[in-house]
Amino acid sequence: LLKGAFAHEGSPVVAAVIDVLDPEQATRVVDRLRELEPKGLFFVAARGEEKSTVTVALGKEALARGADAGKLARAIGKQLGAGGGGKKDFASAGVRDASKLADFAALVRAALAE
């Protein structure tokens, strides 16, 4: 996933959609990404059979530079017709219409621009 990252203000940004059986899989993915890349901003949409969610997590260095996962999750959730929020380092958002995940990277770029 890190190989597909794009840059935002000097930080790598991962915007990935994964198909899961258990939404907790997204949490495990972002936790591992944070270990590997402390500068990173990580957005993982977990598309499940019954429910889809977006998990947002920040590496330690991204957090120290002032990024806020809760604000980013709210911005993503708003674009997906749902709510979102959480802590500064880890947050989540709902997904009402999983078809909107087709261009997930564009949604992430819009949230970062807010």
C-alpha atoms as a PDB file:
ATOM      1  CA  LEU A   1       0.000   0.000   0.000  1.00  0.00           C
ATOM      2  CA  LEU A   2       2.883   2.364   0.712  1.00  0.00           C
ATOM      3  CA  LYS A   3       4.117   2.019  -2.881  1.00  0.00           C
ATOM      4  CA  GLY A   4       0.857   3.568  -4.099  1.00  0.00           C
ATOM      5  CA  ALA A   5       1.072   6.579  -1.764  1.00  0.00           C
ATOM      6  CA  PHE A   6       0.910  10.157  -3.012  1.00  0.00           C
ATOM      7  CA  ALA A   7       2.564  13.140  -1.312  1.00  0.00           C
ATOM      8  CA  HIS A   8       0.831  15.860   0.672  1.00  0.00           C
ATOM      9  CA  GLU A   9       2.917  18.570   2.328  1.00  0.00           C
ATOM     10  CA  GLY A  10       5.915  16.266   2.514  1.00  0.00           C
ATOM     11  CA  SER A  11       4.032  13.288   3.927  1.00  0.00           C
ATOM     12  CA  PRO A  12       3.104  10.082   2.149  1.00  0.00           C
ATOM     13  CA  VAL A  13      -0.639   9.561   1.929  1.00  0.00           C
ATOM     14  CA  VAL A  14      -2.142   6.108   1.493  1.00  0.00           C
ATOM     15  CA  ALA A  15      -5.717   6.016   0.199  1.00  0.00           C
ATOM     16  CA  ALA A  16      -6.768   2.394  -0.205  1.00  0.00           C
ATOM     17  CA  VAL A  17     -10.000   0.447  -0.507  1.00  0.00           C
ATOM     18  CA  ILE A  18      -9.888  -3.114   0.769  1.00  0.00           C
ATOM     19  CA  ASP A  19     -12.550  -5.800   0.755  1.00  0.00           C
ATOM     20  CA  VAL A  20     -12.963  -7.287   4.232  1.00  0.00           C
ATOM     21  CA  LEU A  21     -15.027  -9.780   6.151  1.00  0.00           C
ATOM     22  CA  ASP A  22     -14.334  -7.992   9.431  1.00  0.00           C
ATOM     23  CA  PRO A  23     -14.071  -4.147   9.645  1.00  0.00           C
ATOM     24  CA  GLU A  24     -11.350  -4.572  12.290  1.00  0.00           C
ATOM     25  CA  GLN A  25      -9.049  -5.653   9.463  1.00  0.00           C
ATOM     26  CA  ALA A  26      -8.745  -1.998   8.456  1.00  0.00           C
ATOM     27  CA  THR A  27      -7.580  -1.126  11.959  1.00  0.00           C
ATOM     28  CA  ARG A  28      -4.856  -3.747  11.785  1.00  0.00           C
ATOM     29  CA  VAL A  29      -3.785  -2.456   8.363  1.00  0.00           C
ATOM     30  CA  VAL A  30      -3.444   1.182   9.470  1.00  0.00           C
ATOM     31  CA  ASP A  31      -1.686   0.190  12.691  1.00  0.00           C
ATOM     32  CA  ARG A  32       0.929  -1.643  10.636  1.00  0.00           C
ATOM     33  CA  LEU A  33       1.274   1.272   8.215  1.00  0.00           C
ATOM     34  CA  ARG A  34       1.864   3.675  11.122  1.00  0.00           C
ATOM     35  CA  GLU A  35       4.672   1.435  12.352  1.00  0.00           C
ATOM     36  CA  LEU A  36       6.292   1.390   8.913  1.00  0.00           C
ATOM     37  CA  GLU A  37       5.918   5.094   8.053  1.00  0.00           C
ATOM     38  CA  PRO A  38       5.764   7.626  10.942  1.00  0.00           C
ATOM     39  CA  LYS A  39       5.330  10.566   8.517  1.00  0.00           C
ATOM     40  CA  GLY A  40       2.272   9.055   6.867  1.00  0.00           C
ATOM     41  CA  LEU A  41      -1.424   9.837   6.685  1.00  0.00           C
ATOM     42  CA  PHE A  42      -3.438   6.662   6.162  1.00  0.00           C
ATOM     43  CA  PHE A  43      -6.973   6.352   4.824  1.00  0.00           C
ATOM     44  CA  VAL A  44      -8.298   2.815   4.478  1.00  0.00           C
ATOM     45  CA  ALA A  45     -11.846   2.165   3.303  1.00  0.00           C
ATOM     46  CA  ALA A  46     -13.001  -1.271   4.389  1.00  0.00           C
ATOM     47  CA  ARG A  47     -15.706  -2.499   2.053  1.00  0.00           C
ATOM     48  CA  GLY A  48     -17.683  -5.274   3.722  1.00  0.00           C
ATOM     49  CA  GLU A  49     -20.667  -7.352   2.691  1.00  0.00           C
ATOM     50  CA  GLU A  50     -23.045  -5.542   5.036  1.00  0.00           C
ATOM     51  CA  LYS A  51     -21.189  -2.403   6.045  1.00  0.00           C
ATOM     52  CA  SER A  52     -18.351  -0.208   4.836  1.00  0.00           C
ATOM     53  CA  THR A  53     -16.243   2.133   6.934  1.00  0.00           C
ATOM     54  CA  VAL A  54     -13.256   4.411   6.523  1.00  0.00           C
ATOM     55  CA  THR A  55     -10.393   4.347   9.001  1.00  0.00           C
ATOM     56  CA  VAL A  56      -8.036   7.320   9.235  1.00  0.00           C
ATOM     57  CA  ALA A  57      -4.750   7.081  11.111  1.00  0.00           C
ATOM     58  CA  LEU A  58      -1.699   9.301  11.371  1.00  0.00           C
ATOM     59  CA  GLY A  59       1.944   8.489  11.920  1.00  0.00           C
ATOM     60  CA  LYS A  60       3.656  10.150  14.881  1.00  0.00           C
ATOM     61  CA  GLU A  61       5.440  12.729  12.765  1.00  0.00           C
ATOM     62  CA  ALA A  62       2.278  13.683  10.864  1.00  0.00           C
ATOM     63  CA  LEU A  63       0.504  14.127  14.188  1.00  0.00           C
ATOM     64  CA  ALA A  64       3.343  16.285  15.519  1.00  0.00           C
ATOM     65  CA  ARG A  65       3.003  18.543  12.451  1.00  0.00           C
ATOM     66  CA  GLY A  66      -0.603  19.277  13.351  1.00  0.00           C
ATOM     67  CA  ALA A  67      -2.620  16.834  11.251  1.00  0.00           C
ATOM     68  CA  ASP A  68      -5.908  15.721  12.863  1.00  0.00           C
ATOM     69  CA  ALA A  69      -7.448  12.349  11.985  1.00  0.00           C
ATOM     70  CA  GLY A  70     -10.788  13.316  13.575  1.00  0.00           C
ATOM     71  CA  LYS A  71     -11.187  16.339  11.310  1.00  0.00           C
ATOM     72  CA  LEU A  72     -10.116  14.345   8.264  1.00  0.00           C
ATOM     73  CA  ALA A  73     -12.593  11.558   9.097  1.00  0.00           C
ATOM     74  CA  ARG A  74     -15.409  14.112   9.428  1.00  0.00           C
ATOM     75  CA  ALA A  75     -14.526  15.548   6.013  1.00  0.00           C
ATOM     76  CA  ILE A  76     -14.472  12.081   4.421  1.00  0.00           C
ATOM     77  CA  GLY A  77     -17.723  11.062   6.134  1.00  0.00           C
ATOM     78  CA  LYS A  78     -19.429  14.213   4.908  1.00  0.00           C
ATOM     79  CA  GLN A  79     -18.454  13.377   1.312  1.00  0.00           C
ATOM     80  CA  LEU A  80     -19.825   9.861   1.786  1.00  0.00           C
ATOM     81  CA  GLY A  81     -23.135  11.057   3.237  1.00  0.00           C
ATOM     82  CA  ALA A  82     -22.330   9.870   6.748  1.00  0.00           C
ATOM     83  CA  GLY A  83     -20.679  11.034   9.933  1.00  0.00           C
ATOM     84  CA  GLY A  84     -17.122  10.699  11.101  1.00  0.00           C
ATOM     85  CA  GLY A  85     -14.750  11.651  13.851  1.00  0.00           C
ATOM     86  CA  GLY A  86     -12.443  10.406  16.544  1.00  0.00           C
ATOM     87  CA  LYS A  87      -9.120  11.245  18.107  1.00  0.00           C
ATOM     88  CA  LYS A  88      -6.318  13.294  16.611  1.00  0.00           C
ATOM     89  CA  ASP A  89      -4.306  10.174  15.751  1.00  0.00           C
ATOM     90  CA  PHE A  90      -7.066   7.687  14.865  1.00  0.00           C
ATOM     91  CA  ALA A  91     -10.627   8.149  13.632  1.00  0.00           C
ATOM     92  CA  SER A  92     -13.314   6.608  11.472  1.00  0.00           C
ATOM     93  CA  ALA A  93     -16.172   7.526   9.180  1.00  0.00           C
ATOM     94  CA  GLY A  94     -19.256   5.781   7.937  1.00  0.00           C
ATOM     95  CA  VAL A  95     -20.051   4.984   4.323  1.00  0.00           C
ATOM     96  CA  ARG A  96     -23.671   5.209   3.187  1.00  0.00           C
ATOM     97  CA  ASP A  97     -23.002   4.546  -0.474  1.00  0.00           C
ATOM     98  CA  ALA A  98     -20.038   2.240  -1.161  1.00  0.00           C
ATOM     99  CA  SER A  99     -20.162   3.150  -4.872  1.00  0.00           C
ATOM    100  CA  LYS A 100     -18.664   6.524  -3.887  1.00  0.00           C
ATOM    101  CA  LEU A 101     -15.488   4.673  -2.934  1.00  0.00           C
ATOM    102  CA  ALA A 102     -14.711   4.164  -6.648  1.00  0.00           C
ATOM    103  CA  ASP A 103     -12.474   7.262  -6.635  1.00  0.00           C
ATOM    104  CA  PHE A 104     -11.398   7.125  -3.010  1.00  0.00           C
ATOM    105  CA  ALA A 105      -8.113   8.960  -3.654  1.00  0.00           C
ATOM    106  CA  ALA A 106     -10.069  11.992  -4.927  1.00  0.00           C
ATOM    107  CA  LEU A 107     -12.195  11.985  -1.751  1.00  0.00           C
ATOM    108  CA  VAL A 108      -9.022  11.889   0.352  1.00  0.00           C
ATOM    109  CA  ARG A 109      -7.425  14.733  -1.624  1.00  0.00           C
ATOM    110  CA  ALA A 110     -10.576  16.835  -1.122  1.00  0.00           C
ATOM    111  CA  ALA A 111     -10.538  16.154   2.633  1.00  0.00           C
ATOM    112  CA  LEU A 112      -6.869  17.157   2.840  1.00  0.00           C
ATOM    113  CA  ALA A 113      -7.640  20.390   0.961  1.00  0.00           C
ATOM    114  CA  GLU A 114     -10.253  21.501   3.537  1.00  0.00           C
END
